[in-house]
PDB file of N, CA and C in Angstrom:
ATOM      1  N   MET A   1      28.823 123.553  35.484  1.00  0.00           N
ATOM      2  CA  MET A   1      28.893 124.218  34.201  1.00  0.00           C
ATOM      3  C   MET A   1      29.885 123.473  33.317  1.00  0.00           C
ATOM      4  N   ILE A   2      29.489 123.303  32.094  1.00  0.00           N
ATOM      5  CA  ILE A   2      30.367 122.718  31.086  1.00  0.00           C
ATOM      6  C   ILE A   2      30.432 123.697  29.932  1.00  0.00           C
ATOM      7  N   GLY A   3      31.627 124.226  29.668  1.00  0.00           N
ATOM      8  CA  GLY A   3      31.783 125.204  28.599  1.00  0.00           C
ATOM      9  C   GLY A   3      30.945 126.450  28.810  1.00  0.00           C
ATOM     10  N   GLY A   4      30.747 126.840  30.081  1.00  0.00           N
ATOM     11  CA  GLY A   4      29.979 128.042  30.380  1.00  0.00           C
ATOM     12  C   GLY A   4      28.471 127.840  30.349  1.00  0.00           C
ATOM     13  N   ILE A   5      28.036 126.609  30.161  1.00  0.00           N
ATOM     14  CA  ILE A   5      26.598 126.311  30.099  1.00  0.00           C
ATOM     15  C   ILE A   5      26.214 125.470  31.315  1.00  0.00           C
ATOM     16  N   VAL A   6      25.172 125.876  32.022  1.00  0.00           N
ATOM     17  CA  VAL A   6      24.689 125.137  33.188  1.00  0.00           C
ATOM     18  C   VAL A   6      24.098 123.824  32.718  1.00  0.00           C
ATOM     19  N   THR A   7      24.543 122.724  33.338  1.00  0.00           N
ATOM     20  CA  THR A   7      24.017 121.396  33.000  1.00  0.00           C
ATOM     21  C   THR A   7      23.570 120.701  34.277  1.00  0.00           C
ATOM     22  N   LYS A   8      22.598 119.837  34.158  1.00  0.00           N
ATOM     23  CA  LYS A   8      22.079 119.093  35.297  1.00  0.00           C
ATOM     24  C   LYS A   8      23.071 118.007  35.688  1.00  0.00           C
ATOM     25  N   SER A   9      23.340 117.890  36.986  1.00  0.00           N
ATOM     26  CA  SER A   9      24.261 116.878  37.494  1.00  0.00           C
ATOM     27  C   SER A   9      23.473 115.674  37.979  1.00  0.00           C
ATOM     28  N   GLU A  10      23.960 114.517  37.660  1.00  0.00           N
ATOM     29  CA  GLU A  10      23.324 113.274  38.099  1.00  0.00           C
ATOM     30  C   GLU A  10      24.001 112.712  39.350  1.00  0.00           C
ATOM     31  N   ASN A  11      25.146 113.277  39.751  1.00  0.00           N
ATOM     32  CA  ASN A  11      25.920 112.761  40.884  1.00  0.00           C
ATOM     33  C   ASN A  11      25.988 113.778  42.007  1.00  0.00           C
ATOM     34  N   GLY A  12      26.168 113.277  43.231  1.00  0.00           N
ATOM     35  CA  GLY A  12      26.421 114.153  44.367  1.00  0.00           C
ATOM     36  C   GLY A  12      25.162 114.733  44.984  1.00  0.00           C
ATOM     37  N   THR A  13      25.386 115.600  45.951  1.00  0.00           N
ATOM     38  CA  THR A  13      24.317 116.269  46.678  1.00  0.00           C
ATOM     39  C   THR A  13      24.369 117.746  46.345  1.00  0.00           C
ATOM     40  N   PRO A  14      23.241 118.364  46.034  1.00  0.00           N
ATOM     41  CA  PRO A  14      23.268 119.791  45.692  1.00  0.00           C
ATOM     42  C   PRO A  14      23.781 120.638  46.852  1.00  0.00           C
ATOM     43  N   GLN A  15      24.638 121.594  46.533  1.00  0.00           N
ATOM     44  CA  GLN A  15      25.138 122.504  47.554  1.00  0.00           C
ATOM     45  C   GLN A  15      23.961 123.304  48.099  1.00  0.00           C
ATOM     46  N   GLY A  16      23.878 123.385  49.425  1.00  0.00           N
ATOM     47  CA  GLY A  16      22.783 124.104  50.054  1.00  0.00           C
ATOM     48  C   GLY A  16      21.528 123.267  50.213  1.00  0.00           C
ATOM     49  N   GLY A  17      21.576 122.027  49.756  1.00  0.00           N
ATOM     50  CA  GLY A  17      20.419 121.141  49.892  1.00  0.00           C
ATOM     51  C   GLY A  17      20.278 120.666  51.332  1.00  0.00           C
ATOM     52  N   PRO A  18      19.110 120.167  51.706  1.00  0.00           N
ATOM     53  CA  PRO A  18      18.878 119.745  53.085  1.00  0.00           C
ATOM     54  C   PRO A  18      19.701 118.522  53.496  1.00  0.00           C
ATOM     55  N   LEU A  19      20.146 117.744  52.548  1.00  0.00           N
ATOM     56  CA  LEU A  19      20.916 116.542  52.866  1.00  0.00           C
ATOM     57  C   LEU A  19      22.398 116.851  53.106  1.00  0.00           C
ATOM     58  N   SER A  20      22.888 117.950  52.563  1.00  0.00           N
ATOM     59  CA  SER A  20      24.304 118.295  52.641  1.00  0.00           C
ATOM     60  C   SER A  20      24.837 118.396  54.079  1.00  0.00           C
ATOM     61  N   PRO A  21      24.183 119.136  54.999  1.00  0.00           N
ATOM     62  CA  PRO A  21      24.693 119.198  56.379  1.00  0.00           C
ATOM     63  C   PRO A  21      24.679 117.842  57.077  1.00  0.00           C
ATOM     64  N   LEU A  22      23.672 117.042  56.818  1.00  0.00           N
ATOM     65  CA  LEU A  22      23.584 115.721  57.443  1.00  0.00           C
ATOM     66  C   LEU A  22      24.746 114.836  57.001  1.00  0.00           C
ATOM     67  N   LEU A  23      25.000 114.797  55.696  1.00  0.00           N
ATOM     68  CA  LEU A  23      26.089 113.977  55.191  1.00  0.00           C
ATOM     69  C   LEU A  23      27.440 114.472  55.698  1.00  0.00           C
ATOM     70  N   SER A  24      27.616 115.778  55.766  1.00  0.00           N
ATOM     71  CA  SER A  24      28.867 116.343  56.304  1.00  0.00           C
ATOM     72  C   SER A  24      29.069 115.910  57.745  1.00  0.00           C
ATOM     73  N   ASN A  25      28.011 115.966  58.547  1.00  0.00           N
ATOM     74  CA  ASN A  25      28.124 115.576  59.952  1.00  0.00           C
ATOM     75  C   ASN A  25      28.467 114.099  60.098  1.00  0.00           C
ATOM     76  N   ILE A  26      27.926 113.262  59.236  1.00  0.00           N
ATOM     77  CA  ILE A  26      28.231 111.831  59.296  1.00  0.00           C
ATOM     78  C   ILE A  26      29.692 111.587  58.933  1.00  0.00           C
ATOM     79  N   ILE A  27      30.137 112.172  57.842  1.00  0.00           N
ATOM     80  CA  ILE A  27      31.500 111.950  57.360  1.00  0.00           C
ATOM     81  C   ILE A  27      32.532 112.564  58.312  1.00  0.00           C
ATOM     82  N   LEU A  28      32.255 113.751  58.840  1.00  0.00           N
ATOM     83  CA  LEU A  28      33.235 114.458  59.662  1.00  0.00           C
ATOM     84  C   LEU A  28      33.182 114.086  61.146  1.00  0.00           C
ATOM     85  N   ASP A  29      32.343 113.128  61.512  1.00  0.00           N
ATOM     86  CA  ASP A  29      32.291 112.660  62.900  1.00  0.00           C
ATOM     87  C   ASP A  29      33.658 112.141  63.339  1.00  0.00           C
ATOM     88  N   GLU A  30      34.372 111.473  62.437  1.00  0.00           N
ATOM     89  CA  GLU A  30      35.711 110.962  62.742  1.00  0.00           C
ATOM     90  C   GLU A  30      36.672 112.114  63.056  1.00  0.00           C
ATOM     91  N   LEU A  31      36.564 113.218  62.310  1.00  0.00           N
ATOM     92  CA  LEU A  31      37.385 114.397  62.591  1.00  0.00           C
ATOM     93  C   LEU A  31      37.083 114.932  63.990  1.00  0.00           C
ATOM     94  N   ASP A  32      35.806 115.037  64.331  1.00  0.00           N
ATOM     95  CA  ASP A  32      35.413 115.515  65.664  1.00  0.00           C
ATOM     96  C   ASP A  32      36.057 114.663  66.760  1.00  0.00           C
ATOM     97  N   LYS A  33      35.998 113.366  66.599  1.00  0.00           N
ATOM     98  CA  LYS A  33      36.547 112.460  67.607  1.00  0.00           C
ATOM     99  C   LYS A  33      38.058 112.613  67.728  1.00  0.00           C
ATOM    100  N   GLU A  34      38.738 112.797  66.597  1.00  0.00           N
ATOM    101  CA  GLU A  34      40.192 112.982  66.633  1.00  0.00           C
ATOM    102  C   GLU A  34      40.568 114.302  67.295  1.00  0.00           C
ATOM    103  N   LEU A  35      39.837 115.369  66.974  1.00  0.00           N
ATOM    104  CA  LEU A  35      40.115 116.660  67.607  1.00  0.00           C
ATOM    105  C   LEU A  35      39.877 116.591  69.113  1.00  0.00           C
ATOM    106  N   GLU A  36      38.814 115.906  69.531  1.00  0.00           N
ATOM    107  CA  GLU A  36      38.544 115.732  70.959  1.00  0.00           C
ATOM    108  C   GLU A  36      39.641 114.909  71.623  1.00  0.00           C
ATOM    109  N   ARG A  37      40.083 113.844  70.953  1.00  0.00           N
ATOM    110  CA  ARG A  37      41.131 112.979  71.498  1.00  0.00           C
ATOM    111  C   ARG A  37      42.413 113.773  71.738  1.00  0.00           C
ATOM    112  N   ARG A  38      42.696 114.723  70.841  1.00  0.00           N
ATOM    113  CA  ARG A  38      43.902 115.542  70.956  1.00  0.00           C
ATOM    114  C   ARG A  38      43.717 116.727  71.911  1.00  0.00           C
ATOM    115  N   GLY A  39      42.518 116.905  72.430  1.00  0.00           N
ATOM    116  CA  GLY A  39      42.257 117.962  73.399  1.00  0.00           C
ATOM    117  C   GLY A  39      42.069 119.343  72.798  1.00  0.00           C
ATOM    118  N   HIS A  40      41.750 119.420  71.514  1.00  0.00           N
ATOM    119  CA  HIS A  40      41.560 120.718  70.857  1.00  0.00           C
ATOM    120  C   HIS A  40      40.174 121.283  71.144  1.00  0.00           C
ATOM    121  N   LYS A  41      40.093 122.589  71.198  1.00  0.00           N
ATOM    122  CA  LYS A  41      38.818 123.300  71.284  1.00  0.00           C
ATOM    123  C   LYS A  41      38.397 123.619  69.859  1.00  0.00           C
ATOM    124  N   PHE A  42      37.176 123.272  69.494  1.00  0.00           N
ATOM    125  CA  PHE A  42      36.730 123.500  68.118  1.00  0.00           C
ATOM    126  C   PHE A  42      35.224 123.667  68.064  1.00  0.00           C
ATOM    127  N   CYS A  43      34.779 124.212  66.977  1.00  0.00           N
ATOM    128  CA  CYS A  43      33.355 124.397  66.714  1.00  0.00           C
ATOM    129  C   CYS A  43      33.122 124.025  65.256  1.00  0.00           C
ATOM    130  N   ARG A  44      32.178 123.132  65.009  1.00  0.00           N
ATOM    131  CA  ARG A  44      31.912 122.706  63.637  1.00  0.00           C
ATOM    132  C   ARG A  44      30.417 122.587  63.405  1.00  0.00           C
ATOM    133  N   TYR A  45      29.959 123.090  62.264  1.00  0.00           N
ATOM    134  CA  TYR A  45      28.598 122.856  61.793  1.00  0.00           C
ATOM    135  C   TYR A  45      28.713 122.445  60.336  1.00  0.00           C
ATOM    136  N   ALA A  46      28.223 121.260  60.033  1.00  0.00           N
ATOM    137  CA  ALA A  46      28.338 120.687  58.691  1.00  0.00           C
ATOM    138  C   ALA A  46      29.810 120.707  58.286  1.00  0.00           C
ATOM    139  N   ASP A  47      30.160 121.361  57.190  1.00  0.00           N
ATOM    140  CA  ASP A  47      31.562 121.334  56.756  1.00  0.00           C
ATOM    141  C   ASP A  47      32.319 122.601  57.133  1.00  0.00           C
ATOM    142  N   ASP A  48      31.729 123.460  57.961  1.00  0.00           N
ATOM    143  CA  ASP A  48      32.427 124.644  58.458  1.00  0.00           C
ATOM    144  C   ASP A  48      33.034 124.311  59.819  1.00  0.00           C
ATOM    145  N   CYS A  49      34.340 124.595  59.975  1.00  0.00           N
ATOM    146  CA  CYS A  49      35.016 124.214  61.213  1.00  0.00           C
ATOM    147  C   CYS A  49      36.016 125.284  61.637  1.00  0.00           C
ATOM    148  N   ASN A  50      36.015 125.617  62.924  1.00  0.00           N
ATOM    149  CA  ASN A  50      37.024 126.484  63.533  1.00  0.00           C
ATOM    150  C   ASN A  50      37.709 125.680  64.626  1.00  0.00           C
ATOM    151  N   ILE A  51      39.052 125.685  64.598  1.00  0.00           N
ATOM    152  CA  ILE A  51      39.837 125.025  65.631  1.00  0.00           C
ATOM    153  C   ILE A  51      40.607 126.119  66.348  1.00  0.00           C
ATOM    154  N   TYR A  52      40.460 126.179  67.660  1.00  0.00           N
ATOM    155  CA  TYR A  52      41.050 127.252  68.448  1.00  0.00           C
ATOM    156  C   TYR A  52      42.343 126.784  69.103  1.00  0.00           C
ATOM    157  N   VAL A  53      43.432 127.551  68.876  1.00  0.00           N
ATOM    158  CA  VAL A  53      44.740 127.243  69.446  1.00  0.00           C
ATOM    159  C   VAL A  53      45.300 128.492  70.117  1.00  0.00           C
ATOM    160  N   LYS A  54      46.378 128.321  70.874  1.00  0.00           N
ATOM    161  CA  LYS A  54      46.936 129.434  71.637  1.00  0.00           C
ATOM    162  C   LYS A  54      47.997 130.229  70.890  1.00  0.00           C
ATOM    163  N   SER A  55      48.572 129.653  69.821  1.00  0.00           N
ATOM    164  CA  SER A  55      49.639 130.366  69.117  1.00  0.00           C
ATOM    165  C   SER A  55      49.630 130.017  67.630  1.00  0.00           C
ATOM    166  N   GLU A  56      50.323 130.834  66.860  1.00  0.00           N
ATOM    167  CA  GLU A  56      50.445 130.572  65.425  1.00  0.00           C
ATOM    168  C   GLU A  56      51.175 129.245  65.197  1.00  0.00           C
ATOM    169  N   ARG A  57      52.196 128.992  65.996  1.00  0.00           N
ATOM    170  CA  ARG A  57      52.950 127.739  65.886  1.00  0.00           C
ATOM    171  C   ARG A  57      52.036 126.534  66.109  1.00  0.00           C
ATOM    172  N   ALA A  58      51.184 126.622  67.127  1.00  0.00           N
ATOM    173  CA  ALA A  58      50.239 125.536  67.402  1.00  0.00           C
ATOM    174  C   ALA A  58      49.266 125.373  66.236  1.00  0.00           C
ATOM    175  N   GLY A  59      48.840 126.484  65.652  1.00  0.00           N
ATOM    176  CA  GLY A  59      47.939 126.428  64.510  1.00  0.00           C
ATOM    177  C   GLY A  59      48.569 125.719  63.328  1.00  0.00           C
ATOM    178  N   LYS A  60      49.834 126.009  63.072  1.00  0.00           N
ATOM    179  CA  LYS A  60      50.538 125.337  61.964  1.00  0.00           C
ATOM    180  C   LYS A  60      50.665 123.851  62.237  1.00  0.00           C
ATOM    181  N   ARG A  61      50.941 123.508  63.483  1.00  0.00           N
ATOM    182  CA  ARG A  61      51.083 122.089  63.852  1.00  0.00           C
ATOM    183  C   ARG A  61      49.759 121.353  63.647  1.00  0.00           C
ATOM    184  N   VAL A  62      48.661 121.976  64.047  1.00  0.00           N
ATOM    185  CA  VAL A  62      47.342 121.353  63.896  1.00  0.00           C
ATOM    186  C   VAL A  62      46.988 121.208  62.418  1.00  0.00           C
ATOM    187  N   MET A  63      47.334 122.206  61.609  1.00  0.00           N
ATOM    188  CA  MET A  63      47.030 122.149  60.172  1.00  0.00           C
ATOM    189  C   MET A  63      47.757 120.995  59.477  1.00  0.00           C
ATOM    190  N   GLU A  64      48.954 120.679  59.971  1.00  0.00           N
ATOM    191  CA  GLU A  64      49.695 119.550  59.393  1.00  0.00           C
ATOM    192  C   GLU A  64      49.010 118.251  59.706  1.00  0.00           C
TER     193      GLU A  64
END
């Protein structure tokens, strides 16, 4: 939207489009490998990700 008016975008991938999950999986593969290397338990689909930790302190450390 520009000035409250919907305009057609010439760049990027439409949100919810069929290509969006594929591109997310390609780009975030490096994140998956790093989380695995660090021994974290996680679940990710496209750009949605949950990382499971045992404590709030561990969660803050992972977020950093």
